[in-house]
Amino acid sequence: MTLLLSRLWRFRFAAVVLLVLGASGAFGLGIDDIGARARDLAAQPYKPPVIRTTREIRELEYDEYRDIRFRPERAVWRAEKLPFELMFFPQGRAVPEPVTIHVVEPYGERVLAFDPALFDFGKNKIDPAKLHDVGFNGFRVHFAVNRPGYKDEVLVFQGASYFRALGKGQGYGLSARGLAVDTAAPEGEEFPRFVEFWIERPRSNATSLVIYGLLDSRRVAGAYRFVLTPGVETTMQVTARLYLRERIAKLGLAPLTSMYAFGENQPGKDDYRPGVHDSDGLSVQSADGEWIWRPLVNPKRLLVTSFAMVNPRGFGLMQRDRSPASYEDPEAQYERRPSAWVEPRGNWGSGRVELVQIPTPDETNDNIVAYWVPQAAPVPGQPFDFSYRIRWQTAGTVPADQGWVLQTRRGRGFVKRPDGDINFVVDFDGPPLRGLADGAEIEPVVWADANAEVRERNLFRNPVSGAWRMTVRFRRLDANRPVELRAYLKQQQSTLTETWSYILPAEPDKP
């Protein structure tokens, strides 16, 4: 009887705690708690991760590692039939660093212990008994976003500070990161990593999931709070607090990483596919409402450009072209890759949106990075707070009251005598342009830097698509230097479109 009453009391106590703390959704854990961990971590010398893996896992090739599958029936919260579920990845050669994962329950938190029985090793000849030193290197979140009754994979944290999310009907493409440190710097980039996670148990009717992360690297530690809300457009609210051990020359906030191999503005060679990219442009909205679109390129040497501004309204790496015919790749389905739009919260002050474009021979390398660099660098030892929202989109964010760039194409039609000129065809579209009357007098405003001589510009309404087509022909004066071009459409004194901002990379191998 005493034992029965004791168990009944524990059950009632847990139910009360669930009712009280569940209402707040925090279970007593907050950014201040993880921030204190980050502060204490930054006050100590950096300790590299201790990597303990067995040969059976460490020597697996890429496809062999992918053949290891988490057993869905062992997913966290599946037995309780909660709306979210968690599954995990074992350490491997590509991502050997371990992470500690806590599940935060109403009655406290618990560390998830690695168990080989959680995994199906597929065709790999692995003795589970030999995996005593293996741990987790990441996790994924499942939620029913495409159809009721089936929980889709909607978020993955794995490797350094990388994470990827999906909305309805999307397939994985670009990634986000917790932080970028000295990206494209001559001395090399530093990759902070999430070393520990705390994941809150969701309520039975939850539509959002709260995740905390502790980040660490040689020069910085940080605390992060993520609120994941899956849907047609999956969003993540990010709140972060950093502590620097020492000064950092270039700190990149809200970094996005993507891939651009070739596309309509830079056709590929000996490839049947018209385009291969996870994103086709960088979109930026400044505080004064100006929208800028910079098509991506695959340069022959490192290309770093930026847009200086105060308190940006947003920026993102976007996949605007959603036509399967633009890719002709039914396996990769680049038309389903999400765009990611970053919306800063609060006052981000002065700084710049920086775009890094790295040469790549093929689509196996992520070669595009975009992030915000604050002008006022954080002070070592002092907390540096910032927050933002990421929107993983299909339709993409575009100007509400202006037209936008639909596509950018490079090349010319038939010419009797090649003259070395370069030609771009840019289509602008959107409701404001569609609403113009036939015969409306609008004009292209074109600017080129000192390395280009603009020789011709034209604008007309495309009778087939209904979009407005601008053509610009110019001559580059020095092939060893890039060319910057800008253009937009206007009607009298009214700006009708976002600004097309193009960087033509240097081509030093040409005469």
Protein backbone atom coordinates (compact mmCIF):
# COMPACT_ATOMS: atom_id res chain seq x y z
CA MET A 1 0.00 0.00 0.00
CA THR A 2 2.79 2.43 0.91
CA LEU A 3 4.58 1.68 -2.36
CA LEU A 4 1.36 2.20 -4.32
CA LEU A 5 0.70 5.57 -2.64
CA SER A 6 4.29 6.61 -3.30
CA ARG A 7 3.97 5.81 -7.00
CA LEU A 8 0.61 7.58 -7.16
CA TRP A 9 2.11 10.66 -5.51
CA ARG A 10 5.02 10.73 -7.97
CA PHE A 11 2.59 10.46 -10.87
CA ARG A 12 0.43 13.33 -9.55
CA PHE A 13 3.50 15.47 -8.88
CA ALA A 14 4.80 14.93 -12.40
CA ALA A 15 1.38 15.79 -13.82
CA VAL A 16 1.28 19.04 -11.86
CA VAL A 17 4.79 19.95 -13.00
CA LEU A 18 3.79 19.17 -16.59
CA LEU A 19 0.72 21.38 -16.27
CA VAL A 20 2.55 24.32 -14.71
CA LEU A 21 5.83 24.25 -16.63
CA GLY A 22 4.30 22.97 -19.86
CA ALA A 23 2.15 26.08 -19.99
CA SER A 24 5.26 28.21 -20.26
CA GLY A 25 6.94 25.80 -22.66
CA ALA A 26 10.30 26.33 -20.96
CA PHE A 27 10.52 23.65 -18.25
CA GLY A 28 12.72 26.06 -16.29
CA LEU A 29 15.40 26.21 -19.02
CA GLY A 30 16.23 29.42 -20.87
CA ILE A 31 18.85 31.25 -22.90
CA ASP A 32 20.31 32.66 -19.67
CA ASP A 33 21.09 29.14 -18.44
CA ILE A 34 22.89 28.13 -21.62
CA GLY A 35 24.43 31.61 -21.77
CA ALA A 36 26.01 31.04 -18.37
CA ARG A 37 27.49 27.79 -19.69
CA ALA A 38 28.89 29.65 -22.69
CA ARG A 39 30.32 32.41 -20.51
CA ASP A 40 32.09 29.90 -18.27
CA LEU A 41 33.32 27.98 -21.31
CA ALA A 42 34.77 31.13 -22.90
CA ALA A 43 36.55 32.00 -19.64
CA GLN A 44 38.59 28.80 -19.96
CA PRO A 45 41.19 27.87 -22.58
CA TYR A 46 39.68 26.09 -25.55
CA LYS A 47 39.74 22.30 -25.41
CA PRO A 48 39.46 20.45 -28.75
CA PRO A 49 36.93 17.63 -28.84
CA VAL A 50 38.04 14.18 -27.78
CA ILE A 51 37.14 11.88 -30.66
CA ARG A 52 36.63 8.24 -29.78
CA THR A 53 35.33 6.06 -32.56
CA THR A 54 35.96 2.48 -33.52
CA ARG A 55 37.58 1.43 -36.78
CA GLU A 56 34.32 -0.19 -37.96
CA ILE A 57 32.62 3.22 -38.13
CA ARG A 58 35.63 5.43 -38.81
CA GLU A 59 36.65 3.68 -42.03
CA LEU A 60 33.22 3.56 -43.68
CA GLU A 61 32.93 5.26 -47.06
CA TYR A 62 30.23 7.87 -47.69
CA ASP A 63 27.65 5.48 -49.14
CA GLU A 64 28.41 2.86 -46.51
CA TYR A 65 27.83 5.35 -43.73
CA ARG A 66 24.53 6.42 -45.35
CA ASP A 67 23.44 2.80 -45.20
CA ILE A 68 23.27 3.08 -41.40
CA ARG A 69 19.65 3.89 -40.55
CA PHE A 70 18.07 4.87 -37.28
CA ARG A 71 15.23 2.52 -36.41
CA PRO A 72 12.06 4.65 -36.64
CA GLU A 73 10.27 2.62 -33.99
CA ARG A 74 12.94 3.75 -31.50
CA ALA A 75 12.37 7.46 -32.15
CA VAL A 76 12.09 9.65 -29.07
CA TRP A 77 8.40 10.44 -28.30
CA ARG A 78 7.02 7.93 -30.82
CA ALA A 79 5.53 5.74 -28.11
CA GLU A 80 3.83 8.80 -26.58
CA LYS A 81 2.41 9.76 -30.02
CA LEU A 82 3.62 13.33 -29.69
CA PRO A 83 3.60 15.57 -32.81
CA PHE A 84 7.43 15.75 -32.96
CA GLU A 85 9.92 12.87 -32.98
CA LEU A 86 13.72 12.72 -32.72
CA MET A 87 16.14 10.40 -34.50
CA PHE A 88 19.94 10.40 -34.42
CA PHE A 89 23.17 9.92 -36.38
CA PRO A 90 26.24 7.97 -35.20
CA GLN A 91 29.74 9.39 -35.39
CA GLY A 92 31.45 8.75 -38.71
CA ARG A 93 34.46 9.71 -40.78
CA ALA A 94 32.89 12.83 -42.32
CA VAL A 95 31.60 14.09 -38.95
CA PRO A 96 33.73 12.41 -36.25
CA GLU A 97 33.06 14.94 -33.46
CA PRO A 98 30.57 13.80 -30.80
CA VAL A 99 27.70 15.89 -29.44
CA THR A 100 25.89 15.49 -26.15
CA ILE A 101 22.10 15.50 -26.46
CA HIS A 102 19.70 16.14 -23.59
CA VAL A 103 15.95 15.71 -23.63
CA VAL A 104 14.26 18.19 -21.28
CA GLU A 105 11.19 16.72 -19.61
CA PRO A 106 8.80 18.33 -17.10
CA TYR A 107 10.53 16.47 -14.28
CA GLY A 108 14.06 17.33 -15.41
CA GLU A 109 16.54 16.55 -18.16
CA ARG A 110 18.26 13.36 -19.23
CA VAL A 111 21.25 12.65 -21.44
CA LEU A 112 20.55 10.31 -24.33
CA ALA A 113 23.01 7.43 -24.23
CA PHE A 114 24.31 5.89 -27.45
CA ASP A 115 23.02 2.38 -28.06
CA PRO A 116 23.93 0.33 -31.19
CA ALA A 117 20.48 -1.27 -30.99
CA LEU A 118 19.02 2.07 -32.13
CA PHE A 119 20.47 1.53 -35.63
CA ASP A 120 20.11 -0.78 -38.60
CA PHE A 121 23.61 -1.07 -40.12
CA GLY A 122 22.36 -2.25 -43.50
CA LYS A 123 24.90 -4.15 -45.58
CA ASN A 124 27.81 -3.09 -43.37
CA LYS A 125 29.53 -5.95 -41.57
CA ILE A 126 29.67 -4.31 -38.16
CA ASP A 127 29.68 -6.03 -34.79
CA PRO A 128 27.53 -3.80 -32.53
CA ALA A 129 29.46 -5.04 -29.52
CA LYS A 130 32.53 -3.18 -30.81
CA LEU A 131 30.79 0.22 -30.86
CA HIS A 132 31.36 0.99 -27.19
CA ASP A 133 33.25 4.24 -27.94
CA VAL A 134 30.81 5.59 -30.53
CA GLY A 135 28.42 8.44 -29.80
CA PHE A 136 25.97 10.70 -31.64
CA ASN A 137 27.16 13.41 -34.03
CA GLY A 138 23.76 14.97 -34.69
CA PHE A 139 20.02 14.52 -34.81
CA ARG A 140 16.98 15.10 -36.96
CA VAL A 141 13.45 16.23 -36.17
CA HIS A 142 10.30 14.70 -37.70
CA PHE A 143 6.87 16.32 -38.00
CA ALA A 144 3.84 15.74 -40.27
CA VAL A 145 4.27 18.61 -42.72
CA ASN A 146 3.29 17.07 -46.07
CA ARG A 147 0.36 14.86 -45.11
CA PRO A 148 -1.38 13.82 -41.89
CA GLY A 149 -0.27 10.62 -40.28
CA TYR A 150 3.30 10.59 -41.59
CA LYS A 151 6.08 12.50 -39.84
CA ASP A 152 8.49 13.95 -42.40
CA GLU A 153 12.08 14.90 -41.72
CA VAL A 154 11.93 18.69 -41.24
CA LEU A 155 15.23 19.61 -39.53
CA VAL A 156 18.77 18.25 -39.22
CA PHE A 157 21.65 19.38 -37.01
CA GLN A 158 24.86 17.61 -38.02
CA GLY A 159 28.46 18.75 -38.35
CA ALA A 160 30.09 21.93 -36.95
CA SER A 161 27.21 24.41 -36.48
CA TYR A 162 25.31 23.41 -39.64
CA PHE A 163 21.56 22.84 -39.75
CA ARG A 164 19.00 22.44 -42.54
CA ALA A 165 15.21 22.67 -42.50
CA LEU A 166 12.36 21.88 -44.88
CA GLY A 167 8.90 23.21 -45.56
CA LYS A 168 6.05 21.46 -47.34
CA GLY A 169 7.06 19.89 -50.65
CA GLN A 170 10.71 20.88 -50.35
CA GLY A 171 13.89 18.82 -50.67
CA TYR A 172 17.18 19.49 -48.89
CA GLY A 173 19.46 22.06 -50.46
CA LEU A 174 21.20 24.97 -48.78
CA SER A 175 22.21 24.98 -45.10
CA ALA A 176 22.32 27.51 -42.31
CA ARG A 177 25.00 27.78 -39.64
CA GLY A 178 25.16 29.06 -36.11
CA LEU A 179 28.16 31.28 -36.85
CA ALA A 180 30.82 31.99 -39.48
CA VAL A 181 34.32 33.00 -38.36
CA ASP A 182 36.86 34.50 -40.78
CA THR A 183 35.21 33.03 -43.87
CA ALA A 184 37.48 33.44 -46.92
CA ALA A 185 40.23 34.95 -44.74
CA PRO A 186 43.83 34.31 -45.88
CA GLU A 187 44.70 32.62 -42.59
CA GLY A 188 41.82 30.18 -42.97
CA GLU A 189 38.30 29.82 -41.61
CA GLU A 190 37.44 28.70 -38.10
CA PHE A 191 34.42 26.42 -37.80
CA PRO A 192 32.60 26.65 -34.45
CA ARG A 193 30.52 23.62 -33.62
CA PHE A 194 27.57 22.79 -31.44
CA VAL A 195 28.92 20.57 -28.69
CA GLU A 196 25.72 20.08 -26.69
CA PHE A 197 21.96 20.27 -27.26
CA TRP A 198 18.90 20.45 -25.03
CA ILE A 199 15.57 19.58 -26.70
CA GLU A 200 12.32 20.33 -24.89
CA ARG A 201 9.55 17.79 -24.82
CA PRO A 202 6.64 19.17 -26.90
CA ARG A 203 3.06 19.23 -25.70
CA SER A 204 0.54 16.85 -27.26
CA ASN A 205 -0.83 19.62 -29.52
CA ALA A 206 2.46 21.43 -30.13
CA THR A 207 3.19 23.04 -33.49
CA SER A 208 6.67 24.26 -32.46
CA LEU A 209 9.75 22.65 -30.95
CA VAL A 210 12.31 24.40 -28.72
CA ILE A 211 15.99 23.48 -29.01
CA TYR A 212 18.98 24.94 -27.15
CA GLY A 213 22.55 24.62 -28.38
CA LEU A 214 25.94 25.27 -26.81
CA LEU A 215 28.55 26.37 -29.37
CA ASP A 216 32.32 26.32 -28.96
CA SER A 217 35.52 26.92 -30.93
CA ARG A 218 39.02 28.25 -30.37
CA ARG A 219 37.98 31.89 -30.13
CA VAL A 220 34.28 31.95 -29.31
CA ALA A 221 31.59 30.20 -27.28
CA GLY A 222 27.87 30.80 -27.59
CA ALA A 223 24.38 29.92 -26.47
CA TYR A 224 21.51 29.47 -28.92
CA ARG A 225 17.77 29.05 -28.63
CA PHE A 226 15.92 27.73 -31.70
CA VAL A 227 12.14 27.63 -32.05
CA LEU A 228 11.22 25.42 -35.00
CA THR A 229 7.74 25.81 -36.54
CA PRO A 230 7.25 23.48 -39.54
CA GLY A 231 4.68 24.25 -42.22
CA VAL A 232 4.22 25.29 -45.81
CA GLU A 233 6.96 27.76 -44.91
CA THR A 234 9.05 26.37 -42.07
CA THR A 235 10.45 29.03 -39.75
CA MET A 236 13.14 29.10 -37.09
CA GLN A 237 13.37 31.82 -34.46
CA VAL A 238 17.01 32.10 -33.40
CA THR A 239 18.21 33.84 -30.24
CA ALA A 240 21.97 33.84 -29.60
CA ARG A 241 24.47 35.09 -27.04
CA LEU A 242 28.19 34.98 -27.83
CA TYR A 243 31.29 35.27 -25.66
CA LEU A 244 34.62 35.78 -27.43
CA ARG A 245 37.85 34.46 -25.97
CA GLU A 246 39.80 36.85 -28.19
CA ARG A 247 39.09 39.33 -30.94
CA ILE A 248 37.86 38.01 -34.29
CA ALA A 249 38.60 39.91 -37.49
CA LYS A 250 35.36 38.93 -39.24
CA LEU A 251 32.32 37.53 -37.48
CA GLY A 252 29.51 36.34 -39.77
CA LEU A 253 26.03 36.32 -38.22
CA ALA A 254 23.14 34.20 -39.55
CA PRO A 255 25.31 32.52 -42.21
CA LEU A 256 23.79 30.61 -45.11
CA THR A 257 25.76 28.11 -47.20
CA SER A 258 24.72 26.94 -50.66
CA MET A 259 25.94 25.63 -54.03
CA TYR A 260 26.07 27.18 -57.48
CA ALA A 261 27.82 25.25 -60.27
CA PHE A 262 26.25 26.75 -63.39
CA GLY A 263 22.99 28.15 -64.71
CA GLU A 264 21.33 30.40 -67.26
CA ASN A 265 23.71 33.29 -66.66
CA GLN A 266 26.76 31.01 -66.75
CA PRO A 267 26.04 27.90 -68.85
CA GLY A 268 27.83 24.66 -68.07
CA LYS A 269 30.09 22.74 -70.42
CA ASP A 270 29.41 19.22 -71.65
CA ASP A 271 26.42 18.81 -69.29
CA TYR A 272 22.91 18.06 -70.54
CA ARG A 273 21.38 19.95 -67.61
CA PRO A 274 20.60 23.66 -68.14
CA GLY A 275 21.31 24.51 -64.51
CA VAL A 276 22.82 22.97 -61.39
CA HIS A 277 22.42 25.00 -58.21
CA ASP A 278 20.74 25.02 -54.79
CA SER A 279 20.36 28.82 -55.00
CA ASP A 280 20.46 31.21 -57.94
CA GLY A 281 20.84 34.59 -56.24
CA LEU A 282 21.37 36.71 -53.15
CA SER A 283 18.44 38.95 -52.20
CA VAL A 284 18.89 41.90 -49.83
CA GLN A 285 16.40 44.40 -48.42
CA SER A 286 17.87 47.52 -46.83
CA ALA A 287 16.32 49.60 -44.05
CA ASP A 288 15.14 52.25 -46.53
CA GLY A 289 13.20 49.65 -48.49
CA GLU A 290 15.61 49.14 -51.41
CA TRP A 291 15.68 45.60 -52.77
CA ILE A 292 18.84 44.22 -54.39
CA TRP A 293 19.19 41.02 -56.42
CA ARG A 294 22.66 39.64 -57.13
CA PRO A 295 22.68 36.53 -59.36
CA LEU A 296 25.20 33.92 -58.23
CA VAL A 297 28.23 32.88 -60.26
CA ASN A 298 30.87 30.18 -60.14
CA PRO A 299 34.05 32.26 -60.43
CA LYS A 300 37.47 31.07 -61.53
CA ARG A 301 39.01 32.53 -58.40
CA LEU A 302 37.66 33.57 -55.00
CA LEU A 303 35.16 36.41 -55.23
CA VAL A 304 34.03 38.33 -52.12
CA THR A 305 31.56 41.21 -52.43
CA SER A 306 29.33 43.01 -49.95
CA PHE A 307 26.54 45.53 -49.43
CA ALA A 308 27.08 48.05 -46.61
CA MET A 309 23.98 49.24 -44.76
CA VAL A 310 22.39 49.97 -41.38
CA ASN A 311 19.77 47.70 -39.83
CA PRO A 312 18.97 45.45 -42.81
CA ARG A 313 15.40 44.26 -43.09
CA GLY A 314 16.46 40.94 -44.52
CA PHE A 315 18.73 38.91 -46.78
CA GLY A 316 18.76 35.42 -48.17
CA LEU A 317 20.06 32.91 -50.67
CA MET A 318 17.11 32.23 -52.94
CA GLN A 319 16.10 29.63 -55.51
CA ARG A 320 13.74 31.69 -57.70
CA ASP A 321 13.69 29.41 -60.71
CA ARG A 322 11.13 26.69 -59.93
CA SER A 323 10.73 25.16 -63.38
CA PRO A 324 11.86 21.51 -63.66
CA ALA A 325 12.82 22.26 -67.28
CA SER A 326 15.52 24.62 -65.99
CA TYR A 327 17.36 21.68 -64.40
CA GLU A 328 16.26 18.46 -66.17
CA ASP A 329 17.40 16.42 -63.17
CA PRO A 330 14.55 14.25 -61.84
CA GLU A 331 16.87 12.73 -59.24
CA ALA A 332 18.32 15.89 -57.68
CA GLN A 333 15.15 17.97 -58.29
CA TYR A 334 16.85 21.33 -57.81
CA GLU A 335 13.50 23.02 -58.39
CA ARG A 336 12.43 21.76 -54.94
CA ARG A 337 15.42 23.19 -53.06
CA PRO A 338 14.28 25.77 -50.50
CA SER A 339 15.18 29.43 -50.35
CA ALA A 340 16.26 30.76 -46.95
CA TRP A 341 15.35 34.31 -45.94
CA VAL A 342 16.88 35.88 -42.80
CA GLU A 343 14.91 38.56 -40.94
CA PRO A 344 16.94 40.36 -38.23
CA ARG A 345 15.20 41.10 -34.95
CA GLY A 346 16.03 44.27 -33.05
CA ASN A 347 18.79 46.72 -33.93
CA TRP A 348 21.67 45.15 -35.85
CA GLY A 349 23.32 48.53 -36.44
CA SER A 350 25.91 49.23 -39.11
CA GLY A 351 27.59 46.48 -41.06
CA ARG A 352 27.44 44.64 -44.34
CA VAL A 353 25.84 41.67 -46.03
CA GLU A 354 28.80 39.76 -47.42
CA LEU A 355 28.66 37.23 -50.26
CA VAL A 356 31.48 34.73 -50.75
CA GLN A 357 31.64 32.82 -54.04
CA ILE A 358 34.26 30.08 -54.34
CA PRO A 359 35.30 28.22 -57.51
CA THR A 360 33.97 24.67 -57.72
CA PRO A 361 34.39 22.08 -60.50
CA ASP A 362 31.05 20.40 -59.80
CA GLU A 363 27.97 20.28 -57.59
CA THR A 364 29.56 18.22 -54.80
CA ASN A 365 30.97 21.31 -53.07
CA ASP A 366 29.11 24.07 -51.26
CA ASN A 367 30.78 27.17 -52.68
CA ILE A 368 28.41 30.00 -51.74
CA VAL A 369 28.24 31.72 -48.33
CA ALA A 370 26.25 34.79 -47.24
CA TYR A 371 26.12 36.40 -43.78
CA TRP A 372 25.97 39.69 -41.87
CA VAL A 373 29.20 41.26 -40.60
CA PRO A 374 28.60 43.82 -37.80
CA GLN A 375 30.77 46.91 -38.02
CA ALA A 376 31.23 47.00 -34.25
CA ALA A 377 33.04 43.79 -33.38
CA PRO A 378 32.07 42.08 -30.10
CA VAL A 379 34.39 42.70 -27.16
CA PRO A 380 36.07 39.58 -25.73
CA GLY A 381 34.56 38.57 -22.41
CA GLN A 382 31.40 40.63 -22.90
CA PRO A 383 28.04 39.14 -23.97
CA PHE A 384 26.99 39.84 -27.55
CA ASP A 385 23.29 39.21 -28.18
CA PHE A 386 21.43 39.02 -31.48
CA SER A 387 18.30 37.37 -32.82
CA TYR A 388 16.67 36.67 -36.17
CA ARG A 389 14.18 34.49 -37.98
CA ILE A 390 14.93 32.14 -40.88
CA ARG A 391 12.12 31.35 -43.31
CA TRP A 392 12.62 28.20 -45.42
CA GLN A 393 10.53 29.03 -48.46
CA THR A 394 9.37 27.79 -51.83
CA ALA A 395 7.76 30.93 -53.23
CA GLY A 396 10.50 33.14 -51.81
CA THR A 397 10.43 36.68 -50.44
CA VAL A 398 10.12 39.38 -53.11
CA PRO A 399 9.23 43.10 -53.03
CA ALA A 400 5.58 43.69 -52.20
CA ASP A 401 5.18 46.88 -54.27
CA GLN A 402 7.82 46.49 -56.99
CA GLY A 403 8.79 44.11 -59.74
CA TRP A 404 11.67 41.68 -59.35
CA VAL A 405 14.22 39.87 -61.50
CA LEU A 406 12.75 36.73 -62.99
CA GLN A 407 15.85 35.48 -64.78
CA THR A 408 19.32 36.55 -65.95
CA ARG A 409 20.78 35.11 -69.14
CA ARG A 410 24.18 35.67 -70.66
CA GLY A 411 24.86 35.34 -74.38
CA ARG A 412 24.09 36.82 -77.76
CA GLY A 413 22.16 35.76 -80.80
CA PHE A 414 23.68 35.45 -84.24
CA VAL A 415 26.32 38.05 -85.13
CA LYS A 416 28.18 38.17 -88.45
CA ARG A 417 31.45 39.23 -86.89
CA PRO A 418 32.25 38.40 -83.25
CA ASP A 419 33.37 41.62 -81.59
CA GLY A 420 34.11 40.43 -78.05
CA ASP A 421 31.07 42.19 -76.58
CA ILE A 422 29.17 40.62 -73.68
CA ASN A 423 25.39 40.58 -73.59
CA PHE A 424 22.94 40.03 -70.72
CA VAL A 425 19.21 39.45 -71.00
CA VAL A 426 17.30 40.24 -67.79
CA ASP A 427 13.57 39.64 -67.33
CA PHE A 428 11.63 41.68 -64.75
CA ASP A 429 8.16 40.62 -63.61
CA GLY A 430 5.63 41.13 -60.83
CA PRO A 431 2.14 42.59 -60.29
CA PRO A 432 3.23 46.27 -60.55
CA LEU A 433 4.71 45.59 -64.00
CA ARG A 434 1.78 43.44 -65.13
CA GLY A 435 -0.53 46.30 -64.26
CA LEU A 436 1.14 48.74 -66.65
CA ALA A 437 -0.92 49.78 -69.64
CA ASP A 438 0.20 48.86 -73.14
CA GLY A 439 2.52 51.55 -74.42
CA ALA A 440 3.60 52.60 -70.93
CA GLU A 441 6.78 54.63 -71.08
CA ILE A 442 9.28 52.94 -68.82
CA GLU A 443 13.04 52.86 -69.19
CA PRO A 444 16.01 50.85 -67.91
CA VAL A 445 18.50 52.69 -65.72
CA VAL A 446 21.87 51.00 -66.30
CA TRP A 447 25.16 51.67 -64.54
CA ALA A 448 28.55 50.03 -65.17
CA ASP A 449 31.86 50.50 -63.40
CA ALA A 450 35.01 51.90 -65.04
CA ASN A 451 36.00 48.50 -66.42
CA ALA A 452 33.04 48.37 -68.84
CA GLU A 453 31.79 50.39 -71.79
CA VAL A 454 28.02 50.05 -72.25
CA ARG A 455 27.33 49.92 -75.98
CA GLU A 456 23.61 49.16 -76.14
CA ARG A 457 20.56 48.83 -73.91
CA ASN A 458 16.98 47.91 -74.79
CA LEU A 459 13.68 47.25 -73.01
CA PHE A 460 10.46 45.71 -74.28
CA ARG A 461 7.55 43.64 -73.03
CA ASN A 462 8.00 39.98 -73.87
CA PRO A 463 4.87 39.11 -75.89
CA VAL A 464 5.09 35.45 -74.88
CA SER A 465 5.65 35.63 -71.11
CA GLY A 466 4.32 39.13 -70.39
CA ALA A 467 7.49 40.03 -68.46
CA TRP A 468 9.64 43.04 -69.32
CA ARG A 469 12.93 42.12 -70.98
CA MET A 470 16.02 44.30 -70.67
CA THR A 471 19.11 43.64 -72.80
CA VAL A 472 22.50 45.16 -72.03
CA ARG A 473 25.53 44.83 -74.30
CA PHE A 474 28.93 46.04 -73.16
CA ARG A 475 32.65 45.61 -73.67
CA ARG A 476 34.96 44.68 -70.81
CA LEU A 477 38.17 46.68 -70.90
CA ASP A 478 40.38 44.42 -68.74
CA ALA A 479 39.62 40.68 -68.54
CA ASN A 480 41.82 40.38 -65.44
CA ARG A 481 39.38 42.51 -63.45
CA PRO A 482 35.70 41.94 -62.65
CA VAL A 483 32.89 44.15 -63.90
CA GLU A 484 30.05 45.43 -61.74
CA LEU A 485 26.71 46.22 -63.37
CA ARG A 486 23.50 47.62 -61.87
CA ALA A 487 20.11 48.21 -63.43
CA TYR A 488 16.47 48.80 -62.57
CA LEU A 489 13.32 49.93 -64.34
CA LYS A 490 11.62 53.27 -63.75
CA GLN A 491 8.64 55.27 -64.99
CA GLN A 492 9.39 58.97 -64.84
CA GLN A 493 10.60 59.44 -61.25
CA SER A 494 9.08 56.22 -59.88
CA THR A 495 11.25 53.14 -59.31
CA LEU A 496 9.35 50.10 -60.57
CA THR A 497 11.69 47.22 -59.70
CA GLU A 498 14.36 45.94 -57.41
CA THR A 499 17.97 46.61 -58.40
CA TRP A 500 19.71 43.99 -60.53
CA SER A 501 23.31 43.96 -59.27
CA TYR A 502 25.66 41.70 -61.21
CA ILE A 503 29.34 40.91 -60.76
CA LEU A 504 31.02 39.50 -63.86
CA PRO A 505 34.09 37.70 -62.47
CA ALA A 506 37.57 38.24 -63.83
CA GLU A 507 38.67 35.80 -66.53
CA PRO A 508 42.45 36.04 -66.35
CA ASP A 509 43.05 33.20 -68.81
CA LYS A 510 41.48 35.26 -71.62
CA PRO A 511 43.55 37.71 -73.68
